[in-house]
Amino acid sequence: MKRLFILLFSIAVLQSCNRKLAGTPACISKKIEEIKSQAKWNPPAEINEYEYNGKRVFLVSANCCDQYFMLLDGTCNSICAPSGGLTGGGDGKCTDFYKNAKHIRLVWKDPR
């Protein structure tokens, strides 16, 4: 009985994870797998979905200090870096991001 409970619980957790990634572009899923193959980032990696300038975009956190948070489109083309870097202000190409972007969801956060 205990084994059955563990099996059912594991299946429920996996289905929950799959639902969370449902609708996520393939390249973002690939980016998640790339990050998971690396040593744990500090702070832990996360990817958030936003609507920005009428488009669906994904903000990928930085691996460490003084690195850019990269904003990607649905095919993983780099749009800009709204934050991070030496000054913390990003690359200056989308200075209105945090003012105008609408947060949709947390796509993934490294649980390690």
Protein backbone atom coordinates (compact mmCIF):
# COMPACT_ATOMS: atom_id res chain seq x y z
CA MET A 1 0.00 0.00 0.00
CA LYS A 2 2.84 2.36 0.85
CA ARG A 3 4.47 1.72 -2.53
CA LEU A 4 1.22 2.42 -4.32
CA PHE A 5 0.87 5.73 -2.48
CA ILE A 6 4.43 6.73 -3.39
CA LEU A 7 3.85 5.78 -7.03
CA LEU A 8 0.60 7.75 -7.25
CA PHE A 9 2.15 10.74 -5.51
CA SER A 10 5.11 10.69 -7.92
CA ILE A 11 2.80 10.57 -10.92
CA ALA A 12 0.77 13.51 -9.59
CA VAL A 13 3.92 15.58 -9.06
CA LEU A 14 5.21 14.81 -12.57
CA GLN A 15 1.86 15.70 -14.13
CA SER A 16 1.83 18.96 -12.21
CA CYS A 17 5.28 19.82 -13.54
CA ASN A 18 4.24 18.97 -17.09
CA ARG A 19 1.15 21.17 -16.82
CA LYS A 20 3.27 24.06 -15.58
CA LEU A 21 5.45 23.82 -18.71
CA ALA A 22 2.45 23.31 -21.02
CA GLY A 23 2.40 26.03 -23.64
CA THR A 24 6.05 26.81 -23.12
CA PRO A 25 7.96 27.18 -26.40
CA ALA A 26 10.31 24.31 -27.20
CA CYS A 27 13.37 26.56 -27.13
CA ILE A 28 12.52 27.71 -23.58
CA SER A 29 12.16 24.07 -22.51
CA LYS A 30 15.55 23.42 -24.11
CA LYS A 31 17.00 26.43 -22.23
CA ILE A 32 15.69 24.92 -18.98
CA GLU A 33 17.38 21.60 -19.78
CA GLU A 34 20.64 23.44 -20.53
CA ILE A 35 20.51 25.21 -17.19
CA LYS A 36 19.70 21.97 -15.37
CA SER A 37 22.80 20.36 -16.91
CA GLN A 38 24.99 23.05 -15.30
CA ALA A 39 25.98 23.49 -11.68
CA LYS A 40 23.28 25.23 -9.63
CA TRP A 41 23.25 28.96 -10.21
CA ASN A 42 23.56 31.39 -7.34
CA PRO A 43 20.92 32.71 -7.04
CA PRO A 44 18.91 29.78 -8.48
CA ALA A 45 17.90 30.15 -12.12
CA GLU A 46 14.37 31.12 -13.00
CA ILE A 47 12.44 31.91 -16.13
CA ASN A 48 9.36 34.13 -16.10
CA GLU A 49 6.84 34.81 -18.84
CA TYR A 50 5.69 38.37 -19.54
CA GLU A 51 3.67 40.28 -22.07
CA TYR A 52 5.77 43.18 -23.35
CA ASN A 53 4.93 45.48 -26.24
CA GLY A 54 2.08 43.14 -27.20
CA LYS A 55 4.34 40.09 -27.41
CA ARG A 56 4.93 37.02 -25.28
CA VAL A 57 8.47 37.15 -23.88
CA PHE A 58 10.59 35.23 -21.39
CA LEU A 59 12.98 36.70 -18.83
CA VAL A 60 15.90 34.42 -17.94
CA SER A 61 17.69 35.27 -14.71
CA ALA A 62 21.47 35.61 -14.52
CA ASN A 63 23.91 32.98 -13.32
CA CYS A 64 25.64 35.33 -10.93
CA CYS A 65 26.37 38.87 -10.08
CA ASP A 66 27.01 41.53 -12.70
CA GLN A 67 25.48 39.45 -15.50
CA TYR A 68 22.47 40.43 -17.60
CA PHE A 69 18.96 39.07 -17.14
CA MET A 70 18.13 38.22 -20.75
CA LEU A 71 14.74 38.85 -22.35
CA LEU A 72 13.94 36.35 -25.10
CA ASP A 73 11.10 36.05 -27.57
CA GLY A 74 9.19 32.81 -28.16
CA THR A 75 11.91 31.50 -30.46
CA CYS A 76 14.70 32.41 -28.02
CA ASN A 77 15.97 35.38 -29.95
CA SER A 78 17.52 37.91 -27.60
CA ILE A 79 15.50 41.12 -27.32
CA CYS A 80 17.41 42.98 -24.62
CA ALA A 81 18.69 42.83 -21.07
CA PRO A 82 16.31 44.82 -18.86
CA SER A 83 18.45 44.40 -15.75
CA GLY A 84 21.77 43.11 -14.48
CA GLY A 85 25.28 43.96 -15.56
CA LEU A 86 27.74 46.16 -13.72
CA THR A 87 25.25 48.97 -13.16
CA GLY A 88 22.23 46.74 -12.61
CA GLY A 89 20.37 48.65 -15.31
CA GLY A 90 20.76 46.11 -18.10
CA ASP A 91 21.94 46.97 -21.59
CA GLY A 92 19.77 50.09 -21.95
CA LYS A 93 17.73 48.68 -24.87
CA CYS A 94 14.48 48.18 -22.95
CA THR A 95 14.54 50.59 -20.05
CA ASP A 96 10.72 50.56 -19.85
CA PHE A 97 10.44 46.80 -19.38
CA TYR A 98 9.70 46.70 -15.65
CA LYS A 99 7.31 49.64 -15.98
CA ASN A 100 5.32 48.32 -18.93
CA ALA A 101 5.66 44.53 -18.91
CA LYS A 102 2.85 42.41 -17.50
CA HIS A 103 3.99 39.35 -15.55
CA ILE A 104 2.12 36.27 -16.74
CA ARG A 105 3.69 33.42 -14.79
CA LEU A 106 6.76 31.82 -13.36
CA VAL A 107 7.63 29.23 -15.99
CA TRP A 108 10.39 27.50 -14.03
CA LYS A 109 12.62 27.96 -11.01
CA ASP A 110 15.53 25.64 -10.31
CA PRO A 111 14.53 23.62 -7.23
CA ARG A 112 18.03 22.32 -6.51
